[in-house]
Each structure stands twice: as structure tokens, then as C-alpha cells.
Amino acid sequence: MVKIGIRLFPRVNCRQIVLTLPEQLLIPFHNHSNQKPLYSGLMVLVEACLSELI
């Protein structure tokens, strides 16, 4: 738990976030030939957006 605690934002009680893709992106993401960098890039952007929001 210590390792997890280091990565959490102070005074933020929520530790889970559900991400959904817009319907227009579901099929392109699903059919992409190399999904790993696609989803990795998405997670980087999501983290940046959430960090700015918090």
C-alpha cells in the first residue's frame, strides 16, 4: 500500500476512474493493427488531463 500511496494525489479520496471512448472511436480502436501504442497514448493524455483537473 505504501507504493500506491506515493502515487496518489493528496486529499483525493477516489482511486478509480472509468474511461469510455466515444462511439465514433470504438471500432477504430478495436480494429487498429497495433493497439498497445494507441491505448498507451490515450492513457498518457488521460493522465495529463486528470492531473490538470485535480
Protein backbone atom coordinates (compact mmCIF):
# COMPACT_ATOMS: atom_id res chain seq x y z
CA MET A 1 0.00 0.00 0.00
CA VAL A 2 2.91 2.37 0.56
CA LYS A 3 3.84 2.25 -3.14
CA ILE A 4 0.25 3.06 -4.09
CA GLY A 5 0.04 5.86 -1.51
CA ILE A 6 3.07 7.59 -3.03
CA ARG A 7 1.32 7.81 -6.42
CA LEU A 8 -1.99 9.21 -5.12
CA PHE A 9 -2.84 12.87 -5.11
CA PRO A 10 -3.16 14.46 -1.66
CA ARG A 11 -6.73 14.82 -0.37
CA VAL A 12 -8.20 12.80 -3.27
CA ASN A 13 -10.42 10.03 -1.95
CA CYS A 14 -11.42 8.48 -5.28
CA ARG A 15 -8.93 5.97 -6.64
CA GLN A 16 -10.90 4.59 -9.58
CA ILE A 17 -11.92 6.29 -12.76
CA VAL A 18 -13.93 4.75 -15.57
CA LEU A 19 -12.97 5.83 -19.06
CA THR A 20 -15.22 5.42 -22.05
CA LEU A 21 -14.48 6.04 -25.68
CA PRO A 22 -16.93 7.93 -27.83
CA GLU A 23 -18.89 5.64 -30.13
CA GLN A 24 -17.01 7.05 -33.14
CA LEU A 25 -13.71 5.70 -31.74
CA LEU A 26 -14.81 2.24 -30.60
CA ILE A 27 -14.42 0.48 -33.95
CA PRO A 28 -11.18 2.25 -34.99
CA PHE A 29 -9.59 1.44 -31.62
CA HIS A 30 -10.83 -2.16 -31.71
CA ASN A 31 -9.69 -2.75 -35.31
CA HIS A 32 -6.34 -0.98 -35.03
CA SER A 33 -3.48 -3.27 -36.04
CA ASN A 34 -1.26 -2.17 -33.15
CA GLN A 35 -3.47 -1.35 -30.17
CA LYS A 36 -0.78 -1.11 -27.50
CA PRO A 37 0.69 2.29 -28.53
CA LEU A 38 -2.78 3.58 -29.31
CA TYR A 39 -4.09 2.83 -25.82
CA SER A 40 -0.80 3.85 -24.19
CA GLY A 41 -1.02 7.25 -25.86
CA LEU A 42 -4.62 7.58 -24.74
CA MET A 43 -3.64 6.83 -21.13
CA VAL A 44 -0.87 9.45 -21.25
CA LEU A 45 -3.39 12.04 -22.42
CA VAL A 46 -5.95 10.97 -19.82
CA GLU A 47 -3.35 11.22 -17.04
CA ALA A 48 -2.35 14.72 -18.19
CA CYS A 49 -5.98 15.85 -18.31
CA LEU A 50 -6.80 14.42 -14.89
CA SER A 51 -3.62 15.87 -13.36
CA GLU A 52 -4.54 19.30 -14.66
CA LEU A 53 -8.10 18.93 -13.43
CA ILE A 54 -7.04 17.83 -9.96
